[in-house]
């Protein structure tokens, strides 16, 4: 299902967002040669009022082409991260937060997810509710190897109130060792990847398998770090 666009106003600034609600999304990143790419997200989540159960699945990373992307019935080629926890506990706060651990790095070909490592595996890794504009970040880094590619990144680690501004997001996403408040480096994982066999990772993509609560993407960009 296609994603939609929503306009929200926070501190007198209009924020135009991608809304994920039982939907997926992708776009070409434009880099034909690279060694290390970062897919940077600034995001938040609406409040359903309850803990999420039944293994909610959110994916973010790199894929091949614009058809058969992550979230479709069969996937051409995906490398990135996915949430694997059976529940996302809701903590009322304030601010309201959801804990989305554990999160695994790995790849998807067809319908098979091959896990490489626990990327976010510690209680407290959260995304925050939309109320109050508490937007956090995920930076997903993919480094090419032969044959192993490595996935690592940076994510919010607690429910402390605090919004990441657009200016801060833009500047920090260009720094390999970012220093965002309330964020920390994840655990790296690696595995064999063949772009020649399974398709070039020439797009970024996201997928969310729930109708509610909606995930709201305020900003995204791709940075070539090497």
Protein backbone atom coordinates (compact mmCIF):
# COMPACT_ATOMS: atom_id res chain seq x y z
CA UNK A 1 0.00 0.00 0.00
CA UNK A 2 1.38 3.47 -0.84
CA UNK A 3 2.39 5.89 1.90
CA UNK A 4 0.80 9.33 2.32
CA UNK A 5 2.04 12.85 3.12
CA UNK A 6 0.91 14.89 6.15
CA UNK A 7 1.64 18.48 7.15
CA UNK A 8 2.14 19.17 10.88
CA UNK A 9 3.08 22.47 12.51
CA UNK A 10 5.54 22.33 15.43
CA UNK A 11 6.88 25.55 16.98
CA UNK A 12 5.43 27.54 14.04
CA UNK A 13 7.36 25.41 11.52
CA UNK A 14 5.41 23.35 8.99
CA UNK A 15 6.75 19.80 8.93
CA UNK A 16 5.80 17.74 5.87
CA UNK A 17 5.90 14.04 6.76
CA UNK A 18 5.74 10.63 5.14
CA UNK A 19 3.05 8.60 6.95
CA UNK A 20 3.53 4.85 7.15
CA UNK A 21 0.30 2.97 7.87
CA UNK A 22 0.32 -0.63 6.64
CA UNK A 23 2.50 0.67 3.83
CA UNK A 24 5.97 0.81 2.34
CA UNK A 25 8.02 3.39 0.50
CA UNK A 26 11.26 3.73 -1.47
CA UNK A 27 13.31 6.25 -3.47
CA UNK A 28 16.56 6.11 -5.47
CA UNK A 29 19.57 7.42 -3.55
CA UNK A 30 21.54 8.45 -6.66
CA UNK A 31 25.00 7.13 -5.71
CA UNK A 32 26.50 4.80 -8.31
CA UNK A 33 29.83 4.32 -6.54
CA UNK A 34 30.21 4.10 -2.79
CA UNK A 35 31.85 2.19 0.03
CA UNK A 36 29.74 3.38 2.97
CA UNK A 37 26.25 4.87 2.80
CA UNK A 38 24.06 6.23 5.58
CA UNK A 39 20.26 6.24 5.44
CA UNK A 40 19.30 8.89 7.99
CA UNK A 41 15.76 9.21 9.40
CA UNK A 42 14.19 11.78 11.74
CA UNK A 43 10.88 10.42 12.97
CA UNK A 44 8.23 9.88 15.61
CA UNK A 45 5.12 7.80 16.12
CA UNK A 46 1.49 8.37 16.99
CA UNK A 47 0.06 6.97 20.21
CA UNK A 48 -2.28 3.98 20.03
CA UNK A 49 -2.76 4.07 23.80
CA UNK A 50 -1.51 0.51 24.33
CA UNK A 51 1.50 -1.77 24.04
CA UNK A 52 1.86 -3.20 20.54
CA UNK A 53 1.73 -6.99 20.35
CA UNK A 54 2.03 -9.68 17.68
CA UNK A 55 5.62 -8.89 16.60
CA UNK A 56 5.31 -5.50 14.89
CA UNK A 57 7.63 -5.28 11.86
CA UNK A 58 9.32 -2.05 10.83
CA UNK A 59 12.06 -2.26 8.19
CA UNK A 60 14.48 0.43 7.04
CA UNK A 61 17.50 0.19 4.77
CA UNK A 62 18.56 -0.26 1.17
CA UNK A 63 16.85 -2.20 -1.61
CA UNK A 64 17.14 -2.98 -5.30
CA UNK A 65 14.75 -1.18 -7.63
CA UNK A 66 11.23 0.11 -7.06
CA UNK A 67 9.26 -3.11 -7.42
CA UNK A 68 9.27 -6.05 -5.01
CA UNK A 69 10.61 -3.83 -2.24
CA UNK A 70 10.52 -4.55 1.46
CA UNK A 71 6.92 -4.94 2.59
CA UNK A 72 5.81 -6.49 -0.71
CA UNK A 73 4.94 -10.18 -1.02
CA UNK A 74 8.38 -11.03 -2.34
CA UNK A 75 11.52 -8.90 -2.08
CA UNK A 76 14.17 -8.60 -4.79
CA UNK A 77 17.02 -7.57 -2.45
CA UNK A 78 17.08 -5.71 0.90
CA UNK A 79 19.89 -4.94 3.34
CA UNK A 80 19.24 -3.03 6.55
CA UNK A 81 17.45 -3.46 9.87
CA UNK A 82 14.12 -4.78 11.09
CA UNK A 83 12.39 -4.86 14.46
CA UNK A 84 11.95 -8.38 15.80
CA UNK A 85 10.49 -7.92 19.28
CA UNK A 86 7.21 -9.72 19.97
CA UNK A 87 5.91 -6.56 21.68
CA UNK A 88 6.66 -2.83 21.65
CA UNK A 89 6.01 -1.78 25.25
CA UNK A 90 4.27 1.59 25.62
CA UNK A 91 5.49 3.84 28.45
CA UNK A 92 3.11 6.69 29.28
CA UNK A 93 5.83 9.15 30.25
CA UNK A 94 5.64 12.04 29.59
CA UNK A 95 6.64 11.91 26.84
CA UNK A 96 4.88 8.77 25.67
CA UNK A 97 7.36 6.35 24.12
CA UNK A 98 7.44 2.91 22.55
CA UNK A 99 10.37 0.58 23.13
CA UNK A 100 11.19 -1.26 19.92
CA UNK A 101 13.87 -3.71 20.91
CA UNK A 102 15.30 -6.03 19.81
CA UNK A 103 16.14 -4.90 16.29
CA UNK A 104 18.19 -7.08 13.94
CA UNK A 105 20.48 -6.22 11.03
CA UNK A 106 20.41 -8.50 8.02
CA UNK A 107 19.13 -9.03 4.50
CA UNK A 108 15.95 -10.17 2.77
CA UNK A 109 15.77 -12.07 -0.51
CA UNK A 110 12.34 -13.25 -1.66
CA UNK A 111 10.61 -14.00 1.66
CA UNK A 112 13.63 -14.97 3.78
CA UNK A 113 15.14 -12.65 6.37
CA UNK A 114 18.74 -13.62 7.22
CA UNK A 115 19.72 -12.09 10.56
CA UNK A 116 23.31 -10.96 11.11
CA UNK A 117 23.27 -9.42 14.60
CA UNK A 118 21.16 -7.71 17.24
CA UNK A 119 21.43 -4.06 16.26
CA UNK A 120 19.25 -2.58 19.03
CA UNK A 121 19.02 -5.15 21.80
CA UNK A 122 18.87 -3.14 25.04
CA UNK A 123 15.72 -1.97 26.83
CA UNK A 124 15.22 1.75 26.33
CA UNK A 125 15.71 2.11 22.59
CA UNK A 126 12.66 4.14 21.69
CA UNK A 127 10.82 6.26 19.22
CA UNK A 128 8.69 8.98 20.75
CA UNK A 129 5.08 9.93 20.36
CA UNK A 130 4.16 12.86 18.13
CA UNK A 131 2.76 14.95 21.03
CA UNK A 132 5.26 17.67 21.90
CA UNK A 133 7.37 17.17 18.78
CA UNK A 134 9.84 14.74 20.32
CA UNK A 135 11.44 13.55 17.11
CA UNK A 136 14.38 11.16 17.28
CA UNK A 137 16.76 9.71 14.70
CA UNK A 138 17.91 6.45 13.20
CA UNK A 139 21.10 6.46 11.14
CA UNK A 140 21.53 3.15 9.29
CA UNK A 141 25.05 2.66 7.90
CA UNK A 142 25.92 0.03 5.30
CA UNK A 143 29.57 -0.63 4.45
CA UNK A 144 30.53 -2.69 1.41
CA UNK A 145 32.85 -5.66 1.69
CA UNK A 146 33.80 -8.67 -0.37
CA UNK A 147 31.65 -10.61 0.18
CA UNK A 148 30.48 -9.38 3.59
CA UNK A 149 28.63 -6.10 4.00
CA UNK A 150 28.41 -4.53 7.47
CA UNK A 151 25.34 -2.80 8.91
CA UNK A 152 25.51 -0.49 11.90
CA UNK A 153 23.97 2.77 12.93
CA UNK A 154 22.82 5.23 15.52
CA UNK A 155 19.52 5.45 17.38
CA UNK A 156 17.64 7.06 20.25
CA UNK A 157 18.21 5.14 23.49
CA UNK A 158 15.77 6.57 26.04
CA UNK A 159 12.44 8.33 26.50
CA UNK A 160 13.80 11.66 27.70
CA UNK A 161 11.88 14.56 26.19
CA UNK A 162 13.79 16.44 23.51
CA UNK A 163 13.34 17.16 19.84
CA UNK A 164 15.98 16.85 17.15
CA UNK A 165 15.74 19.91 14.91
CA UNK A 166 16.09 19.80 11.14
CA UNK A 167 19.35 21.74 11.34
CA UNK A 168 20.82 19.33 13.88
CA UNK A 169 19.65 16.34 11.86
CA UNK A 170 21.31 17.68 8.71
CA UNK A 171 24.62 18.46 10.37
CA UNK A 172 24.90 15.32 12.51
CA UNK A 173 23.90 12.95 9.73
CA UNK A 174 27.07 13.96 7.85
CA UNK A 175 29.34 13.04 10.79
CA UNK A 176 30.50 9.42 10.87
CA UNK A 177 30.70 9.46 14.69
CA UNK A 178 27.55 11.46 15.43
CA UNK A 179 26.94 12.95 18.88
CA UNK A 180 23.19 13.42 19.15
CA UNK A 181 21.77 13.86 22.65
CA UNK A 182 19.94 10.73 23.94
CA UNK A 183 21.27 8.64 21.02
CA UNK A 184 23.95 5.96 20.84
CA UNK A 185 25.74 3.63 18.45
CA UNK A 186 24.23 0.20 17.83
CA UNK A 187 25.92 -3.17 17.39
CA UNK A 188 27.39 -3.99 13.99
CA UNK A 189 26.48 -7.11 12.05
CA UNK A 190 27.78 -8.45 8.78
CA UNK A 191 26.95 -11.05 6.17
CA UNK A 192 27.50 -12.01 2.55
CA UNK A 193 25.86 -9.73 -0.04
CA UNK A 194 25.98 -10.09 -3.83
CA UNK A 195 24.63 -7.10 -5.71
CA UNK A 196 25.63 -8.81 -8.95
CA UNK A 197 23.42 -11.81 -8.23
CA UNK A 198 20.53 -10.23 -6.33
CA UNK A 199 20.43 -6.62 -7.56
CA UNK A 200 22.21 -3.34 -6.82
CA UNK A 201 21.20 -1.62 -3.59
CA UNK A 202 20.27 1.57 -5.42
CA UNK A 203 17.25 2.70 -3.37
CA UNK A 204 16.40 3.40 0.26
CA UNK A 205 13.19 1.97 1.66
CA UNK A 206 10.94 1.57 4.69
CA UNK A 207 8.00 -0.65 5.59
CA UNK A 208 5.53 -0.79 8.50
CA UNK A 209 3.04 -3.64 8.84
CA UNK A 210 0.48 -1.93 11.09
CA UNK A 211 -2.44 0.35 10.29
CA UNK A 212 -2.16 2.03 13.70
CA UNK A 213 -0.28 3.63 15.24
CA UNK A 214 1.06 5.49 12.23
CA UNK A 215 4.79 6.16 11.90
CA UNK A 216 5.68 9.70 10.80
CA UNK A 217 8.94 10.39 8.94
CA UNK A 218 9.82 14.09 9.23
CA UNK A 219 13.16 13.95 7.42
CA UNK A 220 15.23 11.47 5.49
CA UNK A 221 18.43 11.66 3.51
CA UNK A 222 21.23 9.50 2.17
CA UNK A 223 24.84 10.45 2.89
CA UNK A 224 27.92 8.92 1.26
CA UNK A 225 30.41 8.56 4.11
CA UNK A 226 33.03 6.78 2.02
